[in-house]
Amino acid sequence: MDILQLISAGQDITIKACDGQRTIAQAKELFTGFLDADFENWNLDKPGKATPATKAKVYELRQDAKFKQMFESLNPDLDKLCLTQAQIIAFVEDHQDWLRTDGYGTFFLFKENEEYFVAEVYFSSSDALEVRVRSLEDDVVWNAGSRRRLVAW
């Protein structure tokens, strides 16, 4: 069994073109439930590059796995899976129906300061959007039973 299952096959999920200037740490109007201070504490509050409109794919976790196992199961060249922070914000704004619900997260890989990080976006119990940041090297094994989601392109 594969670690991840593509659940967006046949769907047109396009992340709009972004100028790269928006950062998650500054997206307080979007993440009204909780915005992890580590986006600033870890020096991740940096604008990125401009990106064209990009097709995204949404996967669901099917086997218990760590972040690195999840993303590398899609492509060992992680740079090919990274979104910019502006793209993550645009996806969350425009495609909330693809985010995992019931308090479980949707994972997005991004790179800052030559390191890989995962933004975990989820809805709070009051349906406010929340976001946390974790290192790709985090040792947490995520339970497949919760069907967390992952977005890549």
Protein backbone atom coordinates (compact mmCIF):
# COMPACT_ATOMS: atom_id res chain seq x y z
CA MET A 1 0.00 0.00 0.00
CA ASP A 2 1.23 3.47 -0.86
CA ILE A 3 1.81 5.98 1.93
CA LEU A 4 -0.37 8.55 0.16
CA GLN A 5 -3.38 8.29 -2.12
CA LEU A 6 -4.17 10.95 -4.70
CA ILE A 7 -7.71 12.14 -4.01
CA SER A 8 -7.87 15.04 -6.47
CA ALA A 9 -7.42 13.05 -9.69
CA GLY A 10 -9.43 14.58 -12.51
CA GLN A 11 -9.98 17.82 -10.59
CA ASP A 12 -8.65 21.18 -11.73
CA ILE A 13 -7.06 22.70 -8.64
CA THR A 14 -5.11 25.77 -9.66
CA ILE A 15 -3.18 27.97 -7.30
CA LYS A 16 -3.36 31.46 -8.78
CA ALA A 17 -0.22 33.33 -9.80
CA CYS A 18 1.44 34.93 -6.78
CA ASP A 19 3.91 37.81 -6.49
CA GLY A 20 5.61 35.99 -3.60
CA GLN A 21 5.32 38.87 -1.16
CA ARG A 22 2.78 37.36 1.24
CA THR A 23 4.09 35.37 4.18
CA ILE A 24 2.24 33.10 6.55
CA ALA A 25 3.46 35.03 9.61
CA GLN A 26 1.69 38.12 8.25
CA ALA A 27 -1.55 36.33 7.24
CA LYS A 28 -3.35 37.09 10.50
CA GLU A 29 -6.59 37.93 8.66
CA LEU A 30 -6.68 34.38 7.24
CA PHE A 31 -5.44 32.35 10.21
CA THR A 32 -7.74 33.83 12.84
CA GLY A 33 -7.83 30.78 15.12
CA PHE A 34 -4.08 30.34 15.69
CA LEU A 35 -0.95 31.45 13.89
CA ASP A 36 2.21 29.74 15.13
CA ALA A 37 4.76 32.28 16.42
CA ASP A 38 7.53 29.98 15.16
CA PHE A 39 7.01 31.37 11.65
CA GLU A 40 8.71 34.47 13.07
CA ASN A 41 10.82 32.82 15.81
CA TRP A 42 12.49 30.52 13.26
CA ASN A 43 13.16 33.44 10.87
CA LEU A 44 10.69 32.14 8.25
CA ASP A 45 8.88 35.44 7.72
CA LYS A 46 10.52 36.11 4.34
CA PRO A 47 8.92 36.94 1.02
CA GLY A 48 9.52 34.41 -1.74
CA LYS A 49 9.71 34.45 -5.51
CA ALA A 50 6.86 35.21 -7.85
CA THR A 51 5.14 32.10 -9.21
CA PRO A 52 2.84 31.48 -12.17
CA ALA A 53 -0.52 29.79 -11.82
CA THR A 54 0.26 26.24 -10.67
CA LYS A 55 -1.75 23.02 -10.74
CA ALA A 56 -1.92 21.39 -7.31
CA LYS A 57 -2.66 17.83 -6.24
CA VAL A 58 -4.21 16.73 -2.97
CA TYR A 59 -3.28 13.45 -1.31
CA GLU A 60 -4.57 11.63 1.75
CA LEU A 61 -2.44 9.69 4.23
CA ARG A 62 -3.02 5.92 3.91
CA GLN A 63 -0.10 4.55 5.99
CA ASP A 64 1.37 5.81 9.25
CA ALA A 65 4.36 7.95 8.30
CA LYS A 66 6.66 10.83 9.20
CA PHE A 67 6.70 14.00 7.10
CA LYS A 68 9.87 13.06 5.25
CA GLN A 69 8.45 9.64 4.30
CA MET A 70 5.24 11.25 3.04
CA PHE A 71 6.86 13.82 0.81
CA GLU A 72 9.70 11.61 -0.42
CA SER A 73 7.14 8.97 -1.43
CA LEU A 74 5.96 11.50 -4.03
CA ASN A 75 9.39 12.65 -5.19
CA PRO A 76 12.83 12.29 -3.56
CA ASP A 77 13.71 15.72 -5.04
CA LEU A 78 11.82 17.73 -2.42
CA ASP A 79 12.43 21.03 -4.20
CA LYS A 80 9.96 19.84 -6.84
CA LEU A 81 7.23 19.58 -4.19
CA CYS A 82 7.73 22.86 -2.33
CA LEU A 83 5.21 25.63 -2.50
CA THR A 84 5.99 29.21 -1.57
CA GLN A 85 4.31 30.71 1.47
CA ALA A 86 2.29 32.93 -0.88
CA GLN A 87 1.07 29.83 -2.75
CA ILE A 88 0.08 28.15 0.51
CA ILE A 89 -1.95 31.23 1.47
CA ALA A 90 -3.57 31.35 -1.98
CA PHE A 91 -4.49 27.66 -1.80
CA VAL A 92 -6.05 28.09 1.65
CA GLU A 93 -8.01 31.14 0.50
CA ASP A 94 -9.29 29.64 -2.75
CA HIS A 95 -9.57 25.90 -2.08
CA GLN A 96 -10.79 25.48 1.51
CA ASP A 97 -13.03 22.63 0.37
CA TRP A 98 -9.85 20.55 -0.14
CA LEU A 99 -8.58 21.10 3.41
CA ARG A 100 -9.04 18.25 5.88
CA THR A 101 -11.76 18.94 8.45
CA ASP A 102 -12.67 17.61 11.90
CA GLY A 103 -9.58 19.17 13.52
CA TYR A 104 -7.09 17.27 11.36
CA GLY A 105 -4.43 19.03 9.34
CA THR A 106 -3.49 19.48 5.73
CA PHE A 107 0.29 19.59 5.14
CA PHE A 108 2.22 21.89 2.79
CA LEU A 109 5.98 21.64 2.19
CA PHE A 110 8.00 24.84 1.86
CA LYS A 111 11.67 25.77 2.01
CA GLU A 112 13.25 28.70 3.80
CA ASN A 113 16.88 29.34 4.75
CA GLU A 114 17.88 26.18 2.83
CA GLU A 115 15.76 24.03 5.18
CA TYR A 116 12.46 22.27 4.62
CA PHE A 117 9.40 22.97 6.74
CA VAL A 118 5.80 21.82 6.81
CA ALA A 119 2.90 24.19 7.32
CA GLU A 120 -0.01 22.34 8.94
CA VAL A 121 -3.33 24.05 8.25
CA TYR A 122 -6.53 23.00 9.97
CA PHE A 123 -9.89 24.21 11.17
CA SER A 124 -10.41 24.78 14.89
CA SER A 125 -13.50 23.53 16.70
CA SER A 126 -15.07 26.92 15.95
CA ASP A 127 -14.17 26.60 12.22
CA ALA A 128 -11.46 29.26 12.39
CA LEU A 129 -8.36 28.52 10.33
CA GLU A 130 -5.19 27.68 12.23
CA VAL A 131 -1.62 27.08 11.08
CA ARG A 132 1.43 25.53 12.72
CA VAL A 133 4.95 25.08 11.40
CA ARG A 134 7.09 22.00 11.87
CA SER A 135 10.46 20.85 10.64
CA LEU A 136 10.42 18.24 7.88
CA GLU A 137 12.77 16.27 10.16
CA ASP A 138 10.13 16.10 12.91
CA ASP A 139 10.03 12.54 14.32
CA VAL A 140 6.25 12.44 14.81
CA VAL A 141 4.63 9.45 13.12
CA TRP A 142 1.26 10.58 11.81
CA ASN A 143 -1.61 8.11 12.13
CA ALA A 144 -3.17 7.15 8.81
CA GLY A 145 -6.56 6.63 10.47
CA SER A 146 -7.09 10.40 10.68
CA ARG A 147 -6.67 10.73 6.89
CA ARG A 148 -4.62 13.90 7.07
CA ARG A 149 -4.04 15.54 3.72
CA LEU A 150 -1.00 16.79 1.86
CA VAL A 151 -0.87 19.33 -0.99
CA ALA A 152 1.91 19.38 -3.58
CA TRP A 153 2.25 20.26 -7.24
